[in-house]
Every structure is written in structure tokens, then in C-alpha cells.
Amino acid sequence: QVQLVESGGGLVQPGGSLTLSCVASVTIFGNYTVAWYRQAPDKQRELVARIPAGGMEDYPDCVKGRFRISRDNAKKMVTLQMNSLKLEDTAVYYCNSNSGPYDYWGQGTQVTVSS
């Protein structure tokens, strides 16, 4: 059974930084598009960063220039570096890996930005 395990969430002040990590147990991690999504209370889940297999990173405008996604295929790991955090970045962050019909999610990690 495929598992994605996230870590690195927590409480941070506005303007601070956090790094989220996700380790996957998929067989051929390099074939998967990996991404981070988030979901704030009473809001829909939204994409915050995505990196296809061998492709370019993709970010929505709300995090562009502040967040950076990276992947290490040998370690089957995807990382989200978050800088200049804002109150509105508060959410549960989910790791996702996708390859065609194969779509996997982590359990989520809470990020809270508060003074």
C-alpha cells in the first residue's frame, strides 16, 4: 500500500519560514507528479506547488516567490520551503503524488501562522 508521510508543520510568526517534507513509498517515484495542496477551515483544497516528473515547477500567484517545491527522486521525497509566511497561509498542508490513475495523498500537516 502506497503511503505519503508529511512532516514539518507547526506554529510560526508572520514573516517566518517553515519547511515541509513528504516521503513516499511509491515504487517509481520519479514517474510521478508531486504537489502540495492546502485546505483552510471552510475553504476548498487548493494547489500551492507542483513539480511534474522532469518538468518545471508551478505555483499559484498567492505563493509565487515565497514558496519553493523540490524533489529528490532517489530519496522519494518532496519538500516545500515556505518563506515570508502570512496569516492567510494557515491551513492543513497535504502532499500528493499522481501518475495517471494512481493518485495518493498524505494525512496532512498543520501550518499555523500567528503572532
C-alpha atoms as a PDB file:
ATOM      1  CA  GLN A   1       0.000   0.000   0.000  1.00  0.00           C
ATOM      2  CA  VAL A   2       1.360   3.386  -1.003  1.00  0.00           C
ATOM      3  CA  GLN A   3       1.936   5.857   1.781  1.00  0.00           C
ATOM      4  CA  LEU A   4       2.858   9.512   1.841  1.00  0.00           C
ATOM      5  CA  VAL A   5       4.116  10.775   5.185  1.00  0.00           C
ATOM      6  CA  GLU A   6       4.386  14.510   5.780  1.00  0.00           C
ATOM      7  CA  SER A   7       6.363  16.285   8.475  1.00  0.00           C
ATOM      8  CA  GLY A   8       7.489  19.781   9.392  1.00  0.00           C
ATOM      9  CA  GLY A   9       4.298  21.644  10.168  1.00  0.00           C
ATOM     10  CA  GLY A  10       3.922  23.857  13.192  1.00  0.00           C
ATOM     11  CA  LEU A  11       3.365  27.346  14.532  1.00  0.00           C
ATOM     12  CA  VAL A  12       5.271  30.261  13.066  1.00  0.00           C
ATOM     13  CA  GLN A  13       5.020  34.042  13.264  1.00  0.00           C
ATOM     14  CA  PRO A  14       4.137  36.151  10.234  1.00  0.00           C
ATOM     15  CA  GLY A  15       7.209  36.645   8.092  1.00  0.00           C
ATOM     16  CA  GLY A  16       8.749  33.417   9.301  1.00  0.00           C
ATOM     17  CA  SER A  17       9.695  30.261   7.452  1.00  0.00           C
ATOM     18  CA  LEU A  18       8.859  26.576   7.588  1.00  0.00           C
ATOM     19  CA  THR A  19       9.927  23.571   5.584  1.00  0.00           C
ATOM     20  CA  LEU A  20       7.545  20.694   4.950  1.00  0.00           C
ATOM     21  CA  SER A  21       8.756  17.282   3.855  1.00  0.00           C
ATOM     22  CA  CYS A  22       6.949  14.289   2.410  1.00  0.00           C
ATOM     23  CA  VAL A  23       8.349  10.812   1.924  1.00  0.00           C
ATOM     24  CA  ALA A  24       6.564   8.423  -0.421  1.00  0.00           C
ATOM     25  CA  SER A  25       6.560   4.657  -0.651  1.00  0.00           C
ATOM     26  CA  VAL A  26       5.621   4.516  -4.349  1.00  0.00           C
ATOM     27  CA  THR A  27       7.732   2.154  -6.423  1.00  0.00           C
ATOM     28  CA  ILE A  28       8.954   4.539  -9.131  1.00  0.00           C
ATOM     29  CA  PHE A  29       8.728   7.966  -7.538  1.00  0.00           C
ATOM     30  CA  GLY A  30      10.404   9.644 -10.481  1.00  0.00           C
ATOM     31  CA  ASN A  31       7.399   8.920 -12.706  1.00  0.00           C
ATOM     32  CA  TYR A  32       5.004  10.847 -10.510  1.00  0.00           C
ATOM     33  CA  THR A  33       3.953  14.455 -10.477  1.00  0.00           C
ATOM     34  CA  VAL A  34       4.273  15.578  -6.872  1.00  0.00           C
ATOM     35  CA  ALA A  35       2.491  18.509  -5.336  1.00  0.00           C
ATOM     36  CA  TRP A  36       1.477  20.263  -2.163  1.00  0.00           C
ATOM     37  CA  TYR A  37      -2.087  21.355  -1.529  1.00  0.00           C
ATOM     38  CA  ARG A  38      -3.622  23.112   1.427  1.00  0.00           C
ATOM     39  CA  GLN A  39      -7.033  23.446   2.960  1.00  0.00           C
ATOM     40  CA  ALA A  40      -8.040  26.172   5.370  1.00  0.00           C
ATOM     41  CA  PRO A  41     -11.167  25.921   7.525  1.00  0.00           C
ATOM     42  CA  ASP A  42     -14.343  26.397   5.485  1.00  0.00           C
ATOM     43  CA  LYS A  43     -12.372  26.615   2.231  1.00  0.00           C
ATOM     44  CA  GLN A  44     -11.732  24.265  -0.656  1.00  0.00           C
ATOM     45  CA  ARG A  45      -8.457  22.449  -1.005  1.00  0.00           C
ATOM     46  CA  GLU A  46      -6.108  24.410  -3.260  1.00  0.00           C
ATOM     47  CA  LEU A  47      -2.850  23.748  -5.040  1.00  0.00           C
ATOM     48  CA  VAL A  48       0.192  25.582  -3.645  1.00  0.00           C
ATOM     49  CA  ALA A  49       3.039  23.984  -5.598  1.00  0.00           C
ATOM     50  CA  ARG A  50       3.560  21.261  -8.165  1.00  0.00           C
ATOM     51  CA  ILE A  51       6.523  19.682  -9.889  1.00  0.00           C
ATOM     52  CA  PRO A  52       5.978  17.130 -12.649  1.00  0.00           C
ATOM     53  CA  ALA A  53       8.363  14.283 -13.359  1.00  0.00           C
ATOM     54  CA  GLY A  54      11.172  16.012 -15.238  1.00  0.00           C
ATOM     55  CA  GLY A  55       9.139  19.196 -15.538  1.00  0.00           C
ATOM     56  CA  MET A  56       9.090  22.736 -14.300  1.00  0.00           C
ATOM     57  CA  GLU A  57       7.693  23.929 -11.005  1.00  0.00           C
ATOM     58  CA  ASP A  58       4.283  25.518 -10.962  1.00  0.00           C
ATOM     59  CA  TYR A  59       2.867  27.886  -8.326  1.00  0.00           C
ATOM     60  CA  PRO A  60      -0.299  29.921  -7.945  1.00  0.00           C
ATOM     61  CA  ASP A  61       0.141  33.668  -7.633  1.00  0.00           C
ATOM     62  CA  CYS A  62      -0.677  33.660  -3.916  1.00  0.00           C
ATOM     63  CA  VAL A  63       2.581  31.826  -3.060  1.00  0.00           C
ATOM     64  CA  LYS A  64       4.797  32.599  -6.065  1.00  0.00           C
ATOM     65  CA  GLY A  65       8.136  33.985  -4.949  1.00  0.00           C
ATOM     66  CA  ARG A  66       7.621  32.804  -1.357  1.00  0.00           C
ATOM     67  CA  PHE A  67       7.268  29.013  -1.666  1.00  0.00           C
ATOM     68  CA  ARG A  68       9.651  26.613  -3.352  1.00  0.00           C
ATOM     69  CA  ILE A  69       8.974  22.943  -4.115  1.00  0.00           C
ATOM     70  CA  SER A  70      11.773  20.485  -4.722  1.00  0.00           C
ATOM     71  CA  ARG A  71      12.053  16.747  -5.145  1.00  0.00           C
ATOM     72  CA  ASP A  72      14.682  14.105  -4.530  1.00  0.00           C
ATOM     73  CA  ASN A  73      13.750  11.059  -6.562  1.00  0.00           C
ATOM     74  CA  ALA A  74      16.435   8.883  -5.002  1.00  0.00           C
ATOM     75  CA  LYS A  75      15.034   9.541  -1.519  1.00  0.00           C
ATOM     76  CA  LYS A  76      11.416   9.563  -2.785  1.00  0.00           C
ATOM     77  CA  MET A  77      10.998  12.891  -1.043  1.00  0.00           C
ATOM     78  CA  VAL A  78       9.319  16.185  -1.876  1.00  0.00           C
ATOM     79  CA  THR A  79       9.980  19.329   0.106  1.00  0.00           C
ATOM     80  CA  LEU A  80       8.126  22.628   0.369  1.00  0.00           C
ATOM     81  CA  GLN A  81      10.162  25.576   1.568  1.00  0.00           C
ATOM     82  CA  MET A  82       7.838  28.349   2.738  1.00  0.00           C
ATOM     83  CA  ASN A  83       9.183  31.829   3.361  1.00  0.00           C
ATOM     84  CA  SER A  84       7.605  35.156   4.279  1.00  0.00           C
ATOM     85  CA  LEU A  85       4.619  33.350   5.713  1.00  0.00           C
ATOM     86  CA  LYS A  86       1.352  35.227   6.065  1.00  0.00           C
ATOM     87  CA  LEU A  87      -1.660  34.750   8.299  1.00  0.00           C
ATOM     88  CA  GLU A  88      -3.601  33.504   5.292  1.00  0.00           C
ATOM     89  CA  ASP A  89      -1.148  30.660   4.778  1.00  0.00           C
ATOM     90  CA  THR A  90      -2.655  28.957   7.817  1.00  0.00           C
ATOM     91  CA  ALA A  91      -4.058  25.609   6.689  1.00  0.00           C
ATOM     92  CA  VAL A  92      -3.574  21.873   6.690  1.00  0.00           C
ATOM     93  CA  TYR A  93      -0.988  21.066   4.024  1.00  0.00           C
ATOM     94  CA  TYR A  94      -1.215  17.827   2.049  1.00  0.00           C
ATOM     95  CA  CYS A  95       1.340  16.047  -0.051  1.00  0.00           C
ATOM     96  CA  ASN A  96       0.094  14.471  -3.297  1.00  0.00           C
ATOM     97  CA  SER A  97       1.658  12.188  -5.864  1.00  0.00           C
ATOM     98  CA  ASN A  98      -0.034  11.426  -9.157  1.00  0.00           C
ATOM     99  CA  SER A  99       0.689   9.313 -12.200  1.00  0.00           C
ATOM    100  CA  GLY A 100      -2.292   8.667 -14.448  1.00  0.00           C
ATOM    101  CA  PRO A 101      -4.872   6.701 -12.462  1.00  0.00           C
ATOM    102  CA  TYR A 102      -2.604   6.493  -9.444  1.00  0.00           C
ATOM    103  CA  ASP A 103      -3.321   9.336  -7.066  1.00  0.00           C
ATOM    104  CA  TYR A 104      -2.092   9.340  -3.473  1.00  0.00           C
ATOM    105  CA  TRP A 105      -2.452  11.722  -0.547  1.00  0.00           C
ATOM    106  CA  GLY A 106      -0.723  12.167   2.752  1.00  0.00           C
ATOM    107  CA  GLN A 107      -2.551  12.617   6.022  1.00  0.00           C
ATOM    108  CA  GLY A 108      -1.830  16.345   6.200  1.00  0.00           C
ATOM    109  CA  THR A 109       0.237  18.547   8.471  1.00  0.00           C
ATOM    110  CA  GLN A 110      -0.988  21.687  10.189  1.00  0.00           C
ATOM    111  CA  VAL A 111       0.689  25.014   9.486  1.00  0.00           C
ATOM    112  CA  THR A 112      -0.405  27.885  11.678  1.00  0.00           C
ATOM    113  CA  VAL A 113       0.817  31.428  11.101  1.00  0.00           C
ATOM    114  CA  SER A 114       0.043  33.597  14.081  1.00  0.00           C
ATOM    115  CA  SER A 115       1.552  36.380  16.129  1.00  0.00           C
END
